C-alpha cells in the first residue's frame, strides 16, 4: 500500500521493469526519487495540462460538459509528465457511481488502448511534452460543486 516502501523499491530494482502501471489511491504521489529510477504510466482523470489535480472529472463536467483521461509518464511534478495518450468521453449516465464506476471505467478503457498501442509499436510510447499553461490545479472538490455537477448530469438526461 506504500509506493515509497523500501521493500517495494528493492523488488523493483531487482526486476528492473521497463514500465510500471501506477494506479495509487487518492493523494498518493510517487516520489521524485522513484520517478528518476523507473517509468511509471498513469491514467489521469482529466485532460492535461488543463486539469491538474485530484477531482478534475467534476470540474471538466462543470466547465466543458465532457470528461477526459490522459495517459502520462509520471515525473516529479503533479500531473506534469510526458503525455502519451488522451481520450475524451461523454458525461456519465445518471445514477452511476461516478467516483468508483465511471472514473474507473474510463481510466481502464484508455489504459487498454494505450497498452495496445505500446505493444503494437514495439514497446514504444509516443510521448509529448505538456504545455506550461493550465486552467489551474483542481484538488478536492467542494461538496456543493460536486452536487452541482451531479445535478447537471441528471438534468442532461432529462433533456434527452
Protein backbone atom coordinates (compact mmCIF):
# COMPACT_ATOMS: atom_id res chain seq x y z
CA UNK A 1 0.00 0.00 0.00
CA UNK A 2 3.02 2.30 0.25
CA UNK A 3 4.65 3.25 -3.05
CA UNK A 4 7.56 4.63 -1.02
CA UNK A 5 8.32 1.46 0.95
CA UNK A 6 11.93 0.27 0.93
CA UNK A 7 10.76 -3.28 0.24
CA UNK A 8 8.98 -2.24 -2.94
CA UNK A 9 11.98 -0.28 -4.17
CA UNK A 10 14.25 -3.29 -3.59
CA UNK A 11 11.87 -5.52 -5.57
CA UNK A 12 11.63 -3.02 -8.42
CA UNK A 13 15.41 -2.64 -8.57
CA UNK A 14 15.80 -6.40 -8.72
CA UNK A 15 13.35 -6.95 -11.60
CA UNK A 16 14.18 -3.71 -13.49
CA UNK A 17 10.74 -3.22 -15.09
CA UNK A 18 10.59 -1.31 -18.35
CA UNK A 19 7.25 0.24 -17.46
CA UNK A 20 5.18 0.28 -14.26
CA UNK A 21 1.45 0.94 -14.37
CA UNK A 22 0.69 3.19 -11.41
CA UNK A 23 -2.81 3.40 -10.02
CA UNK A 24 -2.45 4.68 -6.48
CA UNK A 25 -5.26 5.71 -4.23
CA UNK A 26 -6.22 9.37 -3.91
CA UNK A 27 -3.45 11.59 -2.63
CA UNK A 28 -0.71 9.01 -3.17
CA UNK A 29 2.22 10.53 -5.05
CA UNK A 30 5.29 8.82 -6.48
CA UNK A 31 8.44 10.48 -5.16
CA UNK A 32 10.93 12.25 -7.43
CA UNK A 33 13.49 9.60 -6.41
CA UNK A 34 11.35 6.78 -7.82
CA UNK A 35 10.33 8.81 -10.89
CA UNK A 36 14.01 9.21 -11.70
CA UNK A 37 14.68 5.47 -11.38
CA UNK A 38 11.60 3.98 -13.10
CA UNK A 39 8.99 4.77 -15.76
CA UNK A 40 5.50 5.00 -14.28
CA UNK A 41 2.49 5.05 -16.61
CA UNK A 42 -0.57 6.64 -15.03
CA UNK A 43 -4.12 7.30 -16.23
CA UNK A 44 -5.10 10.77 -15.03
CA UNK A 45 -8.79 11.58 -14.94
CA UNK A 46 -8.72 14.89 -16.76
CA UNK A 47 -7.24 16.50 -19.84
CA UNK A 48 -3.71 17.69 -19.23
CA UNK A 49 -2.42 20.32 -18.87
CA UNK A 50 -5.80 21.98 -18.42
CA UNK A 51 -6.91 19.90 -15.45
CA UNK A 52 -4.20 19.02 -12.97
CA UNK A 53 -5.09 17.67 -9.54
CA UNK A 54 -7.36 15.08 -8.00
CA UNK A 55 -11.02 15.88 -8.72
CA UNK A 56 -10.73 17.09 -12.28
CA UNK A 57 -13.55 14.91 -13.59
CA UNK A 58 -16.18 17.06 -11.85
CA UNK A 59 -14.59 20.34 -12.91
CA UNK A 60 -14.46 19.09 -16.50
CA UNK A 61 -18.17 18.22 -16.36
CA UNK A 62 -18.98 21.69 -14.99
CA UNK A 63 -16.72 23.68 -17.31
CA UNK A 64 -16.68 21.66 -20.56
CA UNK A 65 -19.62 19.22 -20.37
CA UNK A 66 -17.21 16.39 -21.22
CA UNK A 67 -14.85 14.04 -19.38
CA UNK A 68 -11.35 13.01 -20.30
CA UNK A 69 -8.45 10.78 -19.38
CA UNK A 70 -4.78 11.46 -20.05
CA UNK A 71 -2.15 8.71 -20.08
CA UNK A 72 1.13 10.13 -18.85
CA UNK A 73 4.57 9.14 -17.70
CA UNK A 74 4.99 10.45 -14.18
CA UNK A 75 7.67 12.96 -13.33
CA UNK A 76 8.43 14.77 -10.06
CA UNK A 77 5.69 17.38 -10.63
CA UNK A 78 1.96 16.91 -10.08
CA UNK A 79 0.42 15.82 -13.39
CA UNK A 80 3.23 17.41 -15.41
CA UNK A 81 4.85 14.35 -17.04
CA UNK A 82 5.04 13.42 -20.69
CA UNK A 83 1.61 12.79 -22.26
CA UNK A 84 1.38 9.52 -24.18
CA UNK A 85 -2.35 9.37 -24.93
CA UNK A 86 -5.63 11.20 -24.39
CA UNK A 87 -9.29 10.40 -24.91
CA UNK A 88 -12.44 12.36 -24.24
CA UNK A 89 -15.59 10.63 -23.00
CA UNK A 90 -19.23 11.69 -22.72
CA UNK A 91 -20.52 12.72 -19.32
CA UNK A 92 -21.70 9.73 -17.28
CA UNK A 93 -25.24 8.48 -17.26
CA UNK A 94 -27.41 9.46 -14.29
CA UNK A 95 -27.37 7.39 -11.12
CA UNK A 96 -23.95 5.84 -11.76
CA UNK A 97 -21.28 5.96 -9.05
CA UNK A 98 -19.02 8.46 -10.78
CA UNK A 99 -16.03 8.00 -8.47
CA UNK A 100 -16.00 4.20 -8.29
CA UNK A 101 -17.58 3.04 -11.53
CA UNK A 102 -17.41 5.71 -14.24
CA UNK A 103 -13.98 7.13 -13.41
CA UNK A 104 -12.51 3.62 -13.13
CA UNK A 105 -14.13 2.53 -16.40
CA UNK A 106 -12.82 5.42 -18.50
CA UNK A 107 -9.33 5.10 -16.99
CA UNK A 108 -9.34 1.35 -17.71
CA UNK A 109 -10.53 1.99 -21.26
CA UNK A 110 -7.66 4.35 -22.03
CA UNK A 111 -5.18 2.09 -20.26
CA UNK A 112 -6.20 -0.82 -22.51
CA UNK A 113 -5.92 1.36 -25.64
CA UNK A 114 -2.55 2.77 -24.57
CA UNK A 115 -1.10 -0.66 -23.76
CA UNK A 116 -2.36 -1.99 -27.09
CA UNK A 117 -0.56 0.85 -28.88
CA UNK A 118 2.53 0.19 -26.73
CA UNK A 119 2.63 -3.47 -27.75
CA UNK A 120 1.88 -2.73 -31.41
CA UNK A 121 4.68 -0.11 -31.56
CA UNK A 122 7.44 -2.45 -30.36
CA UNK A 123 7.11 -1.35 -26.74
CA UNK A 124 7.47 2.31 -27.57
CA UNK A 125 5.23 5.10 -26.28
CA UNK A 126 4.88 8.31 -28.20
CA UNK A 127 5.40 10.99 -25.60
CA UNK A 128 4.68 14.70 -25.90
CA UNK A 129 5.76 17.44 -23.53
CA UNK A 130 2.89 19.30 -21.96
CA UNK A 131 2.29 22.96 -22.43
CA UNK A 132 3.13 25.02 -19.37
CA UNK A 133 -0.32 26.63 -19.44
CA UNK A 134 -3.06 25.26 -17.28
CA UNK A 135 -6.51 26.38 -16.22
CA UNK A 136 -5.36 25.65 -12.71
CA UNK A 137 -4.87 22.91 -10.21
CA UNK A 138 -8.02 21.21 -9.00
CA UNK A 139 -7.71 19.40 -5.75
CA UNK A 140 -10.52 18.07 -3.59
CA UNK A 141 -13.79 19.41 -4.95
CA UNK A 142 -16.17 21.16 -2.58
CA UNK A 143 -19.28 19.03 -1.90
CA UNK A 144 -21.57 21.77 -3.23
CA UNK A 145 -19.72 21.88 -6.59
CA UNK A 146 -19.75 18.07 -6.76
CA UNK A 147 -23.52 18.08 -6.25
CA UNK A 148 -23.96 20.75 -8.93
CA UNK A 149 -22.05 18.52 -11.39
CA UNK A 150 -24.18 15.50 -10.47
CA UNK A 151 -27.36 17.57 -10.82
CA UNK A 152 -26.17 18.75 -14.25
CA UNK A 153 -25.80 15.10 -15.32
CA UNK A 154 -29.36 14.37 -14.12
CA UNK A 155 -30.67 17.43 -15.97
CA UNK A 156 -28.93 16.48 -19.22
CA UNK A 157 -30.52 13.04 -19.17
CA UNK A 158 -33.96 14.59 -18.61
CA UNK A 159 -33.46 16.69 -21.78
CA UNK A 160 -32.74 13.65 -23.95
